[in-house]
């Protein structure tokens, strides 16, 4: 039995203000909007997957990563572009990890965290 092996999945993020979220995910993050015709639900193309943004009273209550993007060697460049658009980065203390310009550097592995306007934690890494 294969269960979910080979099945596509999508990340899903709850927001309180769909128009504000649309501006953030479209304009700030530069994601391609694929569909906005499902009663306030936005579907974005992101790599080989989709990001679904939907209205909810529980938006921003998750205190863990909501979405992660594997950015490879582009992670530092992407962080700089996001900083130029006013994105504020999170800073987490971790043993053996330095922090500069929004990027946590663990040697060969780099990580960036920031929040969307509802407080959902978004994560970039160099994997």
C-alpha atoms as a PDB file:
ATOM      1  CA  UNK A   1       0.000   0.000   0.000  1.00  0.00           C
ATOM      2  CA  UNK A   2       1.431   3.401  -0.983  1.00  0.00           C
ATOM      3  CA  UNK A   3      -0.846   5.631   1.096  1.00  0.00           C
ATOM      4  CA  UNK A   4       0.406   9.160   0.343  1.00  0.00           C
ATOM      5  CA  UNK A   5       3.621   8.281  -1.463  1.00  0.00           C
ATOM      6  CA  UNK A   6       3.695  10.078  -4.783  1.00  0.00           C
ATOM      7  CA  UNK A   7       0.765  12.346  -3.909  1.00  0.00           C
ATOM      8  CA  UNK A   8       1.209  16.107  -4.172  1.00  0.00           C
ATOM      9  CA  UNK A   9       0.877  18.265  -1.084  1.00  0.00           C
ATOM     10  CA  UNK A  10       0.459  21.970  -0.468  1.00  0.00           C
ATOM     11  CA  UNK A  11       1.376  24.284   2.375  1.00  0.00           C
ATOM     12  CA  UNK A  12      -1.575  26.150   3.840  1.00  0.00           C
ATOM     13  CA  UNK A  13      -1.509  29.429   5.806  1.00  0.00           C
ATOM     14  CA  UNK A  14      -4.339  31.100   7.722  1.00  0.00           C
ATOM     15  CA  UNK A  15      -4.677  34.896   7.531  1.00  0.00           C
ATOM     16  CA  UNK A  16      -7.100  37.477   8.928  1.00  0.00           C
ATOM     17  CA  UNK A  17      -7.091  39.914   6.001  1.00  0.00           C
ATOM     18  CA  UNK A  18      -7.007  38.270   2.574  1.00  0.00           C
ATOM     19  CA  UNK A  19      -6.254  41.519   0.682  1.00  0.00           C
ATOM     20  CA  UNK A  20      -3.325  42.341   2.981  1.00  0.00           C
ATOM     21  CA  UNK A  21      -2.089  38.760   2.598  1.00  0.00           C
ATOM     22  CA  UNK A  22      -2.423  39.021  -1.178  1.00  0.00           C
ATOM     23  CA  UNK A  23      -0.225  42.121  -1.210  1.00  0.00           C
ATOM     24  CA  UNK A  24       2.383  40.426   1.019  1.00  0.00           C
ATOM     25  CA  UNK A  25       2.550  37.064  -0.766  1.00  0.00           C
ATOM     26  CA  UNK A  26       2.289  38.579  -4.269  1.00  0.00           C
ATOM     27  CA  UNK A  27       4.232  41.826  -3.972  1.00  0.00           C
ATOM     28  CA  UNK A  28       6.703  41.246  -1.138  1.00  0.00           C
ATOM     29  CA  UNK A  29       7.446  37.545  -1.649  1.00  0.00           C
ATOM     30  CA  UNK A  30       6.878  37.679  -5.412  1.00  0.00           C
ATOM     31  CA  UNK A  31       4.838  34.472  -5.592  1.00  0.00           C
ATOM     32  CA  UNK A  32       2.745  33.774  -8.684  1.00  0.00           C
ATOM     33  CA  UNK A  33      -0.980  33.850  -7.903  1.00  0.00           C
ATOM     34  CA  UNK A  34      -2.624  30.910  -9.666  1.00  0.00           C
ATOM     35  CA  UNK A  35      -6.178  31.156  -8.375  1.00  0.00           C
ATOM     36  CA  UNK A  36      -8.202  33.612  -6.321  1.00  0.00           C
ATOM     37  CA  UNK A  37     -11.707  32.506  -7.284  1.00  0.00           C
ATOM     38  CA  UNK A  38     -12.481  30.214  -4.340  1.00  0.00           C
ATOM     39  CA  UNK A  39     -14.330  32.634  -2.020  1.00  0.00           C
ATOM     40  CA  UNK A  40     -11.330  34.399  -0.519  1.00  0.00           C
ATOM     41  CA  UNK A  41      -8.825  31.565  -0.902  1.00  0.00           C
ATOM     42  CA  UNK A  42      -5.574  32.343  -2.708  1.00  0.00           C
ATOM     43  CA  UNK A  43      -3.440  29.672  -4.359  1.00  0.00           C
ATOM     44  CA  UNK A  44       0.165  30.499  -5.216  1.00  0.00           C
ATOM     45  CA  UNK A  45       2.724  28.635  -7.288  1.00  0.00           C
ATOM     46  CA  UNK A  46       5.887  28.073  -5.300  1.00  0.00           C
ATOM     47  CA  UNK A  47       8.416  25.734  -6.866  1.00  0.00           C
ATOM     48  CA  UNK A  48       6.846  22.364  -7.569  1.00  0.00           C
ATOM     49  CA  UNK A  49       4.120  22.868  -4.957  1.00  0.00           C
ATOM     50  CA  UNK A  50       1.373  25.291  -4.021  1.00  0.00           C
ATOM     51  CA  UNK A  51       0.816  27.652  -1.120  1.00  0.00           C
ATOM     52  CA  UNK A  52      -2.832  28.038  -0.127  1.00  0.00           C
ATOM     53  CA  UNK A  53      -3.730  31.220   1.807  1.00  0.00           C
ATOM     54  CA  UNK A  54      -7.166  31.317   3.397  1.00  0.00           C
ATOM     55  CA  UNK A  55      -9.066  33.480   5.905  1.00  0.00           C
ATOM     56  CA  UNK A  56      -9.377  32.196   9.458  1.00  0.00           C
ATOM     57  CA  UNK A  57      -9.986  33.567  12.945  1.00  0.00           C
ATOM     58  CA  UNK A  58      -7.063  31.381  14.085  1.00  0.00           C
ATOM     59  CA  UNK A  59      -4.477  33.057  11.825  1.00  0.00           C
ATOM     60  CA  UNK A  60      -1.031  33.521  13.307  1.00  0.00           C
ATOM     61  CA  UNK A  61      -1.613  31.267  16.327  1.00  0.00           C
ATOM     62  CA  UNK A  62       0.875  28.604  15.203  1.00  0.00           C
ATOM     63  CA  UNK A  63       4.186  29.176  16.986  1.00  0.00           C
ATOM     64  CA  UNK A  64       6.139  26.915  14.652  1.00  0.00           C
ATOM     65  CA  UNK A  65       7.138  27.122  10.985  1.00  0.00           C
ATOM     66  CA  UNK A  66       4.116  27.404   8.730  1.00  0.00           C
ATOM     67  CA  UNK A  67       5.992  27.220   5.415  1.00  0.00           C
ATOM     68  CA  UNK A  68       9.581  26.405   4.462  1.00  0.00           C
ATOM     69  CA  UNK A  69      11.301  27.100   1.158  1.00  0.00           C
ATOM     70  CA  UNK A  70      14.513  25.325   0.141  1.00  0.00           C
ATOM     71  CA  UNK A  71      16.478  28.141  -1.502  1.00  0.00           C
ATOM     72  CA  UNK A  72      19.906  26.569  -1.937  1.00  0.00           C
ATOM     73  CA  UNK A  73      22.770  29.019  -2.426  1.00  0.00           C
ATOM     74  CA  UNK A  74      20.242  31.828  -3.145  1.00  0.00           C
ATOM     75  CA  UNK A  75      19.123  32.075   0.500  1.00  0.00           C
ATOM     76  CA  UNK A  76      21.415  35.033   1.344  1.00  0.00           C
ATOM     77  CA  UNK A  77      20.458  36.931  -1.821  1.00  0.00           C
ATOM     78  CA  UNK A  78      16.755  36.307  -1.212  1.00  0.00           C
ATOM     79  CA  UNK A  79      17.103  37.503   2.402  1.00  0.00           C
ATOM     80  CA  UNK A  80      18.734  40.719   1.159  1.00  0.00           C
ATOM     81  CA  UNK A  81      15.913  41.274  -1.358  1.00  0.00           C
ATOM     82  CA  UNK A  82      13.284  40.711   1.335  1.00  0.00           C
ATOM     83  CA  UNK A  83      15.086  43.135   3.672  1.00  0.00           C
ATOM     84  CA  UNK A  84      14.963  45.695   0.866  1.00  0.00           C
ATOM     85  CA  UNK A  85      11.179  45.263   0.809  1.00  0.00           C
ATOM     86  CA  UNK A  86      10.932  45.936   4.541  1.00  0.00           C
ATOM     87  CA  UNK A  87      10.719  42.361   5.828  1.00  0.00           C
ATOM     88  CA  UNK A  88      11.837  42.086   9.465  1.00  0.00           C
ATOM     89  CA  UNK A  89      13.686  38.895  10.334  1.00  0.00           C
ATOM     90  CA  UNK A  90      13.444  36.741  13.417  1.00  0.00           C
ATOM     91  CA  UNK A  91      16.601  36.039  15.416  1.00  0.00           C
ATOM     92  CA  UNK A  92      16.882  32.753  17.292  1.00  0.00           C
ATOM     93  CA  UNK A  93      19.832  31.873  19.511  1.00  0.00           C
ATOM     94  CA  UNK A  94      21.320  28.482  18.629  1.00  0.00           C
ATOM     95  CA  UNK A  95      24.612  26.919  19.680  1.00  0.00           C
ATOM     96  CA  UNK A  96      27.236  27.108  16.934  1.00  0.00           C
ATOM     97  CA  UNK A  97      25.110  29.389  14.761  1.00  0.00           C
ATOM     98  CA  UNK A  98      25.969  32.996  13.933  1.00  0.00           C
ATOM     99  CA  UNK A  99      23.462  35.638  12.862  1.00  0.00           C
ATOM    100  CA  UNK A 100      23.998  38.475  10.409  1.00  0.00           C
ATOM    101  CA  UNK A 101      21.647  40.449   8.158  1.00  0.00           C
ATOM    102  CA  UNK A 102      18.716  38.130   8.873  1.00  0.00           C
ATOM    103  CA  UNK A 103      20.640  34.938   8.108  1.00  0.00           C
ATOM    104  CA  UNK A 104      21.449  32.260  10.679  1.00  0.00           C
ATOM    105  CA  UNK A 105      24.698  30.625   9.554  1.00  0.00           C
ATOM    106  CA  UNK A 106      25.572  27.117  10.693  1.00  0.00           C
ATOM    107  CA  UNK A 107      28.458  26.756   8.248  1.00  0.00           C
ATOM    108  CA  UNK A 108      27.188  24.857   5.244  1.00  0.00           C
ATOM    109  CA  UNK A 109      23.551  25.349   6.284  1.00  0.00           C
ATOM    110  CA  UNK A 110      21.897  28.782   6.329  1.00  0.00           C
ATOM    111  CA  UNK A 111      18.461  29.633   7.709  1.00  0.00           C
ATOM    112  CA  UNK A 112      16.160  32.676   7.630  1.00  0.00           C
ATOM    113  CA  UNK A 113      12.911  33.195   9.530  1.00  0.00           C
ATOM    114  CA  UNK A 114      10.365  35.995   9.173  1.00  0.00           C
ATOM    115  CA  UNK A 115       6.658  36.474   9.744  1.00  0.00           C
ATOM    116  CA  UNK A 116       3.823  37.378   7.412  1.00  0.00           C
ATOM    117  CA  UNK A 117       1.457  40.213   8.462  1.00  0.00           C
ATOM    118  CA  UNK A 118      -0.574  37.763  10.596  1.00  0.00           C
ATOM    119  CA  UNK A 119       2.439  36.395  12.454  1.00  0.00           C
ATOM    120  CA  UNK A 120       2.741  33.111  10.550  1.00  0.00           C
ATOM    121  CA  UNK A 121       6.377  31.998  10.711  1.00  0.00           C
ATOM    122  CA  UNK A 122       7.941  31.567   7.275  1.00  0.00           C
ATOM    123  CA  UNK A 123      11.316  29.874   6.859  1.00  0.00           C
ATOM    124  CA  UNK A 124      13.989  29.840   4.155  1.00  0.00           C
ATOM    125  CA  UNK A 125      16.971  27.500   4.201  1.00  0.00           C
ATOM    126  CA  UNK A 126      19.885  26.516   2.043  1.00  0.00           C
ATOM    127  CA  UNK A 127      18.996  22.808   1.844  1.00  0.00           C
END
